[in-house]
């Protein structure tokens, strides 16, 4: 599951792609998810985290 944030549970969203002639087809939007090493209870672990959680400081990056 690459398009899923394990911190905030953000996943893909769906909606309509609307053309200039107003025809509608289904499409999906995926969050910007990065596979990074984070500290969970003092132990480094690889997680899928969205960039908003990384930027806001909800997770601590591991070196």
N, C-alpha and C. Protein backbone atom coordinates (compact mmCIF):
# COMPACT_ATOMS: atom_id res chain seq x y z
N UNK A 1 0.84 -1.19 0.00
CA UNK A 1 0.00 0.00 0.00
C UNK A 1 0.87 1.24 0.00
N UNK A 2 1.24 1.71 -1.15
CA UNK A 2 2.14 2.84 -1.24
C UNK A 2 1.45 4.18 -1.11
N UNK A 3 0.19 4.29 -1.39
CA UNK A 3 -0.50 5.58 -1.38
C UNK A 3 -1.38 5.73 -0.15
N UNK A 4 -0.78 5.50 1.03
CA UNK A 4 -1.52 5.54 2.27
C UNK A 4 -0.59 6.02 3.37
N UNK A 5 -0.99 7.06 4.11
CA UNK A 5 -0.18 7.59 5.20
C UNK A 5 -0.50 6.81 6.47
N UNK A 6 0.54 6.27 7.11
CA UNK A 6 0.33 5.47 8.32
C UNK A 6 0.19 6.32 9.57
N UNK A 7 0.37 7.65 9.45
CA UNK A 7 0.24 8.53 10.60
C UNK A 7 -1.16 9.13 10.67
N UNK A 8 -1.62 9.73 9.57
CA UNK A 8 -2.91 10.42 9.58
C UNK A 8 -3.99 9.67 8.82
N UNK A 9 -3.70 8.47 8.32
CA UNK A 9 -4.65 7.63 7.58
C UNK A 9 -5.18 8.28 6.31
N UNK A 10 -4.38 9.18 5.72
CA UNK A 10 -4.78 9.81 4.46
C UNK A 10 -4.56 8.82 3.33
N UNK A 11 -5.56 8.65 2.48
CA UNK A 11 -5.47 7.72 1.36
C UNK A 11 -5.93 8.38 0.08
N UNK A 12 -6.15 7.57 -0.94
CA UNK A 12 -6.56 8.11 -2.22
C UNK A 12 -8.00 8.59 -2.15
N UNK A 13 -8.29 9.65 -2.90
CA UNK A 13 -9.64 10.18 -3.00
C UNK A 13 -10.07 10.06 -4.45
N UNK A 14 -11.35 9.97 -4.68
CA UNK A 14 -11.85 9.84 -6.05
C UNK A 14 -12.80 10.97 -6.36
N UNK A 15 -12.96 11.22 -7.65
CA UNK A 15 -13.84 12.27 -8.10
C UNK A 15 -13.99 12.20 -9.60
N UNK A 16 -14.40 13.30 -10.19
CA UNK A 16 -14.63 13.36 -11.62
C UNK A 16 -13.57 14.21 -12.30
N UNK A 17 -13.11 13.73 -13.46
CA UNK A 17 -12.31 14.54 -14.37
C UNK A 17 -13.29 15.17 -15.33
N UNK A 18 -13.37 16.49 -15.33
CA UNK A 18 -14.36 17.19 -16.14
C UNK A 18 -13.65 17.87 -17.30
N UNK A 19 -14.02 17.50 -18.52
CA UNK A 19 -13.40 18.07 -19.71
C UNK A 19 -14.03 19.42 -20.05
N UNK A 20 -13.49 20.05 -21.08
CA UNK A 20 -14.01 21.34 -21.51
C UNK A 20 -15.45 21.21 -22.01
N UNK A 21 -15.80 20.05 -22.58
CA UNK A 21 -17.18 19.84 -23.05
C UNK A 21 -18.08 19.30 -21.94
N UNK A 22 -17.58 19.32 -20.71
CA UNK A 22 -18.34 18.94 -19.51
C UNK A 22 -18.64 17.45 -19.45
N UNK A 23 -17.86 16.63 -20.14
CA UNK A 23 -17.97 15.17 -19.97
C UNK A 23 -17.22 14.78 -18.72
N UNK A 24 -17.76 13.81 -17.99
CA UNK A 24 -17.18 13.43 -16.71
C UNK A 24 -16.74 11.97 -16.71
N UNK A 25 -15.50 11.74 -16.32
CA UNK A 25 -14.98 10.39 -16.13
C UNK A 25 -14.34 10.33 -14.75
N UNK A 26 -14.30 9.14 -14.18
CA UNK A 26 -13.79 8.97 -12.82
C UNK A 26 -12.26 9.06 -12.83
N UNK A 27 -11.73 9.66 -11.77
CA UNK A 27 -10.29 9.71 -11.59
C UNK A 27 -9.99 9.67 -10.10
N UNK A 28 -8.71 9.55 -9.75
CA UNK A 28 -8.35 9.49 -8.34
C UNK A 28 -7.18 10.42 -8.07
N UNK A 29 -7.14 10.93 -6.85
CA UNK A 29 -6.05 11.76 -6.37
C UNK A 29 -5.34 10.99 -5.28
N UNK A 30 -4.02 10.92 -5.38
CA UNK A 30 -3.22 10.20 -4.40
C UNK A 30 -2.40 11.20 -3.59
N UNK A 31 -2.27 10.99 -2.28
CA UNK A 31 -1.44 11.90 -1.49
C UNK A 31 0.05 11.69 -1.77
N UNK A 32 0.83 12.69 -1.46
CA UNK A 32 2.28 12.61 -1.65
C UNK A 32 2.86 11.84 -0.46
N UNK A 33 3.07 10.55 -0.64
CA UNK A 33 3.51 9.67 0.44
C UNK A 33 4.95 9.26 0.19
N UNK A 34 5.79 9.41 1.22
CA UNK A 34 7.19 9.06 1.14
C UNK A 34 7.47 7.89 2.08
N UNK A 35 8.37 7.00 1.67
CA UNK A 35 8.78 5.85 2.49
C UNK A 35 10.03 6.28 3.25
N UNK A 36 9.88 6.66 4.52
CA UNK A 36 10.98 7.24 5.28
C UNK A 36 11.19 6.46 6.58
N UNK A 37 12.39 6.66 7.16
CA UNK A 37 12.69 6.09 8.47
C UNK A 37 12.28 7.09 9.54
N UNK A 38 11.43 6.67 10.46
CA UNK A 38 10.98 7.53 11.54
C UNK A 38 11.21 6.83 12.87
N UNK A 39 11.24 7.62 13.95
CA UNK A 39 11.40 7.05 15.29
C UNK A 39 10.02 6.79 15.88
N UNK A 40 9.75 5.53 16.23
CA UNK A 40 8.51 5.15 16.88
C UNK A 40 8.90 4.50 18.20
N UNK A 41 8.58 5.16 19.31
CA UNK A 41 8.95 4.72 20.66
C UNK A 41 10.46 4.53 20.80
N UNK A 42 11.23 5.41 20.19
CA UNK A 42 12.68 5.35 20.27
C UNK A 42 13.34 4.35 19.35
N UNK A 43 12.56 3.64 18.54
CA UNK A 43 13.09 2.62 17.64
C UNK A 43 12.89 3.09 16.20
N UNK A 44 13.95 3.10 15.37
CA UNK A 44 13.76 3.50 13.98
C UNK A 44 12.96 2.45 13.20
N UNK A 45 12.04 2.94 12.39
CA UNK A 45 11.15 2.06 11.63
C UNK A 45 10.80 2.73 10.31
N UNK A 46 10.68 1.94 9.25
CA UNK A 46 10.29 2.49 7.95
C UNK A 46 8.76 2.55 7.87
N UNK A 47 8.27 3.73 7.49
CA UNK A 47 6.82 3.93 7.39
C UNK A 47 6.52 4.75 6.15
N UNK A 48 5.29 4.62 5.68
CA UNK A 48 4.77 5.47 4.61
C UNK A 48 4.12 6.69 5.27
N UNK A 49 4.71 7.87 5.06
CA UNK A 49 4.25 9.09 5.71
C UNK A 49 4.02 10.15 4.65
N UNK A 50 2.90 10.86 4.74
CA UNK A 50 2.63 11.92 3.78
C UNK A 50 3.49 13.13 4.12
N UNK A 51 3.73 13.98 3.12
CA UNK A 51 4.63 15.10 3.29
C UNK A 51 4.04 16.15 4.22
N UNK A 52 2.76 16.21 4.39
CA UNK A 52 2.16 17.15 5.33
C UNK A 52 2.49 16.77 6.76
N UNK A 53 2.49 15.47 7.06
CA UNK A 53 2.87 15.02 8.41
C UNK A 53 4.36 15.25 8.65
N UNK A 54 5.18 15.08 7.62
CA UNK A 54 6.62 15.34 7.76
C UNK A 54 6.87 16.83 8.00
N UNK A 55 6.18 17.67 7.26
CA UNK A 55 6.40 19.11 7.36
C UNK A 55 5.89 19.67 8.68
N UNK A 56 4.76 19.15 9.19
CA UNK A 56 4.18 19.68 10.41
C UNK A 56 4.84 19.14 11.67
N UNK A 57 5.73 18.15 11.53
CA UNK A 57 6.44 17.64 12.68
C UNK A 57 5.68 16.58 13.46
N UNK A 58 4.75 15.88 12.83
CA UNK A 58 4.01 14.83 13.52
C UNK A 58 4.85 13.57 13.73
N UNK A 59 5.93 13.44 12.97
CA UNK A 59 6.84 12.29 13.12
C UNK A 59 8.25 12.84 13.26
N UNK A 60 9.10 12.06 13.93
CA UNK A 60 10.50 12.43 14.09
C UNK A 60 11.33 11.59 13.14
N UNK A 61 12.07 12.23 12.24
CA UNK A 61 12.89 11.52 11.28
C UNK A 61 14.05 10.84 11.99
N UNK A 62 14.42 9.66 11.52
CA UNK A 62 15.55 8.93 12.05
C UNK A 62 16.73 9.09 11.10
N UNK A 63 17.92 9.09 11.64
CA UNK A 63 19.11 9.25 10.80
C UNK A 63 19.73 7.91 10.50
